[in-house]
Amino acid sequence: MTRIATEHKYVQLNEQRVPVIAGTTLKVVELVMAQRAYGWSPEDLQQQHPYLSMSQIFSALAYYWDHKPELDADIDRREQYVIQAEQDAAPSPIVAKLRTMGLLG
């Protein structure tokens, strides 16, 4: 697995040139998305990801802020993909049954 160093000590680019936290497979955008979704502080992130050091977390967050436009675009693409996948998914048989029973709107 080839990694490319960045200006941030604990962030590398993987083979697809996606920024990941060095020594892990965790993408910087995944850490940022968790922080946004749950309102987690860096300390909270470390508690949720105990295999990460605070240095790794702060380096990943600094990388995000230094590359915000392109990483926000990646986050937007991911969110749109989820929305489209939900729209394309066939309704669950259980959900359909609950709707016919009047238990779901």
N, C-alpha and C. Protein backbone atom coordinates (compact mmCIF):
# COMPACT_ATOMS: atom_id res chain seq x y z
N MET A 1 0.85 -1.17 0.00
CA MET A 1 0.00 0.00 0.00
C MET A 1 0.90 1.24 0.00
N THR A 2 0.82 1.98 -1.07
CA THR A 2 1.63 3.18 -1.21
C THR A 2 0.89 4.38 -0.64
N ARG A 3 1.59 5.13 0.17
CA ARG A 3 1.01 6.35 0.75
C ARG A 3 1.89 7.53 0.39
N ILE A 4 1.26 8.67 0.18
CA ILE A 4 1.96 9.90 -0.17
C ILE A 4 1.89 10.84 1.02
N ALA A 5 3.04 11.35 1.43
CA ALA A 5 3.10 12.28 2.56
C ALA A 5 2.43 13.59 2.18
N THR A 6 1.91 14.27 3.19
CA THR A 6 1.34 15.60 3.02
C THR A 6 2.09 16.56 3.93
N GLU A 7 1.68 17.82 3.92
CA GLU A 7 2.29 18.81 4.81
C GLU A 7 1.89 18.60 6.27
N HIS A 8 0.95 17.69 6.50
CA HIS A 8 0.49 17.38 7.85
C HIS A 8 1.07 16.02 8.25
N LYS A 9 1.79 16.02 9.35
CA LYS A 9 2.56 14.84 9.76
C LYS A 9 1.73 13.56 9.82
N TYR A 10 0.51 13.63 10.28
CA TYR A 10 -0.29 12.43 10.48
C TYR A 10 -1.37 12.21 9.42
N VAL A 11 -1.23 12.87 8.29
CA VAL A 11 -2.18 12.67 7.18
C VAL A 11 -1.39 12.30 5.94
N GLN A 12 -1.84 11.22 5.29
CA GLN A 12 -1.23 10.77 4.05
C GLN A 12 -2.32 10.61 3.00
N LEU A 13 -1.92 10.60 1.74
CA LEU A 13 -2.84 10.33 0.66
C LEU A 13 -2.71 8.86 0.28
N ASN A 14 -3.84 8.15 0.17
CA ASN A 14 -3.79 6.75 -0.22
C ASN A 14 -3.64 6.65 -1.74
N GLU A 15 -3.76 5.42 -2.27
CA GLU A 15 -3.56 5.20 -3.71
C GLU A 15 -4.53 6.00 -4.56
N GLN A 16 -5.72 6.27 -4.04
CA GLN A 16 -6.72 7.06 -4.76
C GLN A 16 -6.58 8.56 -4.49
N ARG A 17 -5.51 8.91 -3.79
CA ARG A 17 -5.22 10.31 -3.41
C ARG A 17 -6.26 10.88 -2.46
N VAL A 18 -6.83 10.00 -1.63
CA VAL A 18 -7.78 10.40 -0.60
C VAL A 18 -7.01 10.55 0.70
N PRO A 19 -7.18 11.66 1.42
CA PRO A 19 -6.44 11.83 2.67
C PRO A 19 -6.95 10.89 3.76
N VAL A 20 -6.01 10.15 4.35
CA VAL A 20 -6.30 9.22 5.44
C VAL A 20 -5.36 9.54 6.60
N ILE A 21 -5.78 9.15 7.78
CA ILE A 21 -4.93 9.35 8.96
C ILE A 21 -3.83 8.30 8.92
N ALA A 22 -2.59 8.76 9.01
CA ALA A 22 -1.42 7.88 8.90
C ALA A 22 -1.52 6.71 9.87
N GLY A 23 -1.19 5.53 9.38
CA GLY A 23 -1.21 4.33 10.20
C GLY A 23 -2.58 3.70 10.32
N THR A 24 -3.58 4.27 9.62
CA THR A 24 -4.95 3.75 9.68
C THR A 24 -5.54 3.75 8.27
N THR A 25 -6.76 3.29 8.17
CA THR A 25 -7.51 3.40 6.91
C THR A 25 -8.61 4.45 7.04
N LEU A 26 -8.66 5.15 8.17
CA LEU A 26 -9.70 6.15 8.42
C LEU A 26 -9.46 7.39 7.57
N LYS A 27 -10.46 7.72 6.76
CA LYS A 27 -10.38 8.90 5.92
C LYS A 27 -10.64 10.15 6.75
N VAL A 28 -9.95 11.23 6.41
CA VAL A 28 -10.13 12.50 7.11
C VAL A 28 -11.60 12.92 7.05
N VAL A 29 -12.24 12.76 5.88
CA VAL A 29 -13.65 13.18 5.77
C VAL A 29 -14.56 12.37 6.69
N GLU A 30 -14.22 11.11 6.94
CA GLU A 30 -15.04 10.30 7.85
C GLU A 30 -14.96 10.83 9.28
N LEU A 31 -13.78 11.25 9.69
CA LEU A 31 -13.61 11.83 11.02
C LEU A 31 -14.38 13.15 11.12
N VAL A 32 -14.28 13.98 10.08
CA VAL A 32 -14.97 15.27 10.07
C VAL A 32 -16.49 15.06 10.05
N MET A 33 -16.96 14.09 9.27
CA MET A 33 -18.40 13.82 9.21
C MET A 33 -18.92 13.37 10.58
N ALA A 34 -18.15 12.56 11.29
CA ALA A 34 -18.55 12.14 12.64
C ALA A 34 -18.59 13.34 13.58
N GLN A 35 -17.60 14.22 13.46
CA GLN A 35 -17.57 15.41 14.31
C GLN A 35 -18.80 16.27 14.05
N ARG A 36 -19.14 16.45 12.78
CA ARG A 36 -20.32 17.26 12.42
C ARG A 36 -21.61 16.60 12.90
N ALA A 37 -21.74 15.31 12.65
CA ALA A 37 -22.99 14.61 12.95
C ALA A 37 -23.30 14.60 14.44
N TYR A 38 -22.27 14.44 15.25
CA TYR A 38 -22.49 14.28 16.69
C TYR A 38 -22.04 15.47 17.53
N GLY A 39 -21.43 16.47 16.88
CA GLY A 39 -20.94 17.63 17.62
C GLY A 39 -19.79 17.30 18.55
N TRP A 40 -18.99 16.30 18.17
CA TRP A 40 -17.91 15.84 19.03
C TRP A 40 -16.72 16.79 19.03
N SER A 41 -16.16 16.99 20.20
CA SER A 41 -14.90 17.72 20.35
C SER A 41 -13.76 16.78 19.94
N PRO A 42 -12.54 17.30 19.78
CA PRO A 42 -11.42 16.41 19.50
C PRO A 42 -11.26 15.32 20.57
N GLU A 43 -11.51 15.69 21.81
CA GLU A 43 -11.42 14.69 22.89
C GLU A 43 -12.50 13.61 22.73
N ASP A 44 -13.70 14.02 22.33
CA ASP A 44 -14.77 13.05 22.08
C ASP A 44 -14.39 12.13 20.92
N LEU A 45 -13.81 12.71 19.88
CA LEU A 45 -13.37 11.90 18.74
C LEU A 45 -12.36 10.85 19.19
N GLN A 46 -11.45 11.25 20.06
CA GLN A 46 -10.43 10.32 20.55
C GLN A 46 -11.07 9.22 21.41
N GLN A 47 -12.08 9.57 22.17
CA GLN A 47 -12.78 8.57 22.97
C GLN A 47 -13.51 7.57 22.07
N GLN A 48 -14.07 8.05 20.96
CA GLN A 48 -14.77 7.17 20.02
C GLN A 48 -13.80 6.38 19.14
N HIS A 49 -12.61 6.89 18.96
CA HIS A 49 -11.57 6.24 18.15
C HIS A 49 -10.30 6.11 19.00
N PRO A 50 -10.31 5.24 19.99
CA PRO A 50 -9.19 5.18 20.93
C PRO A 50 -7.85 4.76 20.31
N TYR A 51 -7.88 4.22 19.10
CA TYR A 51 -6.65 3.86 18.41
C TYR A 51 -5.95 5.09 17.80
N LEU A 52 -6.63 6.24 17.82
CA LEU A 52 -6.04 7.48 17.32
C LEU A 52 -5.44 8.29 18.46
N SER A 53 -4.30 8.89 18.20
CA SER A 53 -3.71 9.80 19.18
C SER A 53 -4.33 11.18 18.97
N MET A 54 -4.23 12.02 19.97
CA MET A 54 -4.72 13.39 19.84
C MET A 54 -3.95 14.10 18.71
N SER A 55 -2.68 13.79 18.55
CA SER A 55 -1.90 14.39 17.47
C SER A 55 -2.47 14.01 16.11
N GLN A 56 -2.86 12.76 15.94
CA GLN A 56 -3.47 12.33 14.68
C GLN A 56 -4.78 13.08 14.44
N ILE A 57 -5.59 13.20 15.48
CA ILE A 57 -6.88 13.87 15.35
C ILE A 57 -6.70 15.34 14.99
N PHE A 58 -5.85 16.04 15.72
CA PHE A 58 -5.63 17.46 15.43
C PHE A 58 -5.01 17.67 14.05
N SER A 59 -4.12 16.77 13.65
CA SER A 59 -3.52 16.86 12.32
C SER A 59 -4.58 16.68 11.24
N ALA A 60 -5.48 15.70 11.44
CA ALA A 60 -6.56 15.46 10.47
C ALA A 60 -7.49 16.67 10.40
N LEU A 61 -7.83 17.25 11.55
CA LEU A 61 -8.71 18.42 11.55
C LEU A 61 -8.03 19.63 10.91
N ALA A 62 -6.74 19.79 11.16
CA ALA A 62 -5.99 20.88 10.52
C ALA A 62 -5.95 20.67 9.01
N TYR A 63 -5.76 19.43 8.58
CA TYR A 63 -5.77 19.13 7.14
C TYR A 63 -7.12 19.50 6.54
N TYR A 64 -8.19 19.14 7.25
CA TYR A 64 -9.52 19.49 6.77
C TYR A 64 -9.64 21.00 6.57
N TRP A 65 -9.26 21.78 7.55
CA TRP A 65 -9.41 23.24 7.45
C TRP A 65 -8.52 23.83 6.37
N ASP A 66 -7.36 23.21 6.14
CA ASP A 66 -6.47 23.69 5.07
C ASP A 66 -6.97 23.29 3.68
N HIS A 67 -7.87 22.30 3.61
CA HIS A 67 -8.38 21.80 2.32
C HIS A 67 -9.91 21.75 2.32
N LYS A 68 -10.50 22.68 3.03
CA LYS A 68 -11.95 22.68 3.27
C LYS A 68 -12.79 22.62 1.99
N PRO A 69 -12.55 23.44 0.98
CA PRO A 69 -13.43 23.40 -0.20
C PRO A 69 -13.49 22.01 -0.87
N GLU A 70 -12.32 21.39 -1.08
CA GLU A 70 -12.34 20.09 -1.75
C GLU A 70 -12.88 18.98 -0.85
N LEU A 71 -12.63 19.04 0.45
CA LEU A 71 -13.17 18.01 1.34
C LEU A 71 -14.66 18.21 1.57
N ASP A 72 -15.12 19.46 1.63
CA ASP A 72 -16.57 19.70 1.72
C ASP A 72 -17.28 19.18 0.47
N ALA A 73 -16.64 19.34 -0.69
CA ALA A 73 -17.23 18.81 -1.93
C ALA A 73 -17.32 17.28 -1.85
N ASP A 74 -16.31 16.63 -1.29
CA ASP A 74 -16.34 15.17 -1.12
C ASP A 74 -17.46 14.77 -0.16
N ILE A 75 -17.60 15.51 0.93
CA ILE A 75 -18.67 15.23 1.90
C ILE A 75 -20.03 15.40 1.23
N ASP A 76 -20.20 16.46 0.46
CA ASP A 76 -21.46 16.68 -0.26
C ASP A 76 -21.76 15.53 -1.22
N ARG A 77 -20.74 15.06 -1.95
CA ARG A 77 -20.93 13.93 -2.87
C ARG A 77 -21.38 12.69 -2.11
N ARG A 78 -20.77 12.44 -0.96
CA ARG A 78 -21.14 11.28 -0.15
C ARG A 78 -22.58 11.38 0.34
N GLU A 79 -22.97 12.56 0.78
CA GLU A 79 -24.33 12.75 1.27
C GLU A 79 -25.34 12.60 0.14
N GLN A 80 -25.03 13.12 -1.04
CA GLN A 80 -25.92 12.96 -2.19
C GLN A 80 -26.04 11.50 -2.62
N TYR A 81 -24.94 10.77 -2.53
CA TYR A 81 -24.97 9.34 -2.86
C TYR A 81 -25.93 8.60 -1.94
N VAL A 82 -25.88 8.90 -0.64
CA VAL A 82 -26.77 8.25 0.33
C VAL A 82 -28.23 8.60 0.03
N ILE A 83 -28.49 9.87 -0.23
CA ILE A 83 -29.85 10.30 -0.55
C ILE A 83 -30.36 9.57 -1.79
N GLN A 84 -29.54 9.50 -2.83
CA GLN A 84 -29.95 8.83 -4.07
C GLN A 84 -30.14 7.33 -3.83
N ALA A 85 -29.27 6.71 -3.06
CA ALA A 85 -29.41 5.28 -2.78
C ALA A 85 -30.69 5.00 -2.01
N GLU A 86 -31.03 5.87 -1.08
CA GLU A 86 -32.29 5.70 -0.34
C GLU A 86 -33.49 5.84 -1.26
N GLN A 87 -33.43 6.78 -2.19
CA GLN A 87 -34.54 6.98 -3.13
C GLN A 87 -34.66 5.81 -4.10
N ASP A 88 -33.52 5.23 -4.49
CA ASP A 88 -33.52 4.13 -5.44
C ASP A 88 -33.86 2.78 -4.81
N ALA A 89 -33.71 2.68 -3.51
CA ALA A 89 -33.95 1.41 -2.84
C ALA A 89 -35.42 1.04 -2.87
N ALA A 90 -35.67 -0.23 -3.09
CA ALA A 90 -37.05 -0.72 -3.05
C ALA A 90 -37.53 -0.67 -1.61
N PRO A 91 -38.81 -0.40 -1.42
CA PRO A 91 -39.32 -0.36 -0.05
C PRO A 91 -39.17 -1.74 0.62
N SER A 92 -38.84 -1.70 1.86
CA SER A 92 -38.71 -2.92 2.65
C SER A 92 -40.08 -3.59 2.75
N PRO A 93 -40.13 -4.92 2.62
CA PRO A 93 -41.41 -5.63 2.78
C PRO A 93 -42.04 -5.37 4.15
N ILE A 94 -41.23 -5.22 5.16
CA ILE A 94 -41.75 -4.95 6.50
C ILE A 94 -42.39 -3.57 6.54
N VAL A 95 -41.73 -2.57 5.95
CA VAL A 95 -42.29 -1.22 5.91
C VAL A 95 -43.58 -1.23 5.13
N ALA A 96 -43.63 -1.94 3.99
CA ALA A 96 -44.86 -2.00 3.21
C ALA A 96 -45.99 -2.63 4.01
N LYS A 97 -45.69 -3.67 4.74
CA LYS A 97 -46.72 -4.33 5.54
C LYS A 97 -47.22 -3.40 6.65
N LEU A 98 -46.31 -2.72 7.33
CA LEU A 98 -46.70 -1.78 8.39
C LEU A 98 -47.54 -0.64 7.83
N ARG A 99 -47.24 -0.20 6.60
CA ARG A 99 -48.05 0.85 5.97
C ARG A 99 -49.47 0.34 5.69
N THR A 100 -49.59 -0.87 5.18
CA THR A 100 -50.91 -1.40 4.90
C THR A 100 -51.71 -1.62 6.17
N MET A 101 -51.02 -1.81 7.26
CA MET A 101 -51.68 -1.98 8.56
C MET A 101 -51.99 -0.63 9.19
N GLY A 102 -51.56 0.46 8.52
CA GLY A 102 -51.80 1.79 9.05
C GLY A 102 -50.89 2.17 10.20
N LEU A 103 -49.80 1.45 10.36
CA LEU A 103 -48.88 1.74 11.47
C LEU A 103 -47.77 2.70 11.08
N LEU A 104 -47.61 2.95 9.79
CA LEU A 104 -46.64 3.93 9.31
C LEU A 104 -47.33 4.86 8.34
N GLY A 105 -46.86 6.10 8.29
CA GLY A 105 -47.43 7.10 7.40
C GLY A 105 -46.94 7.00 6.00
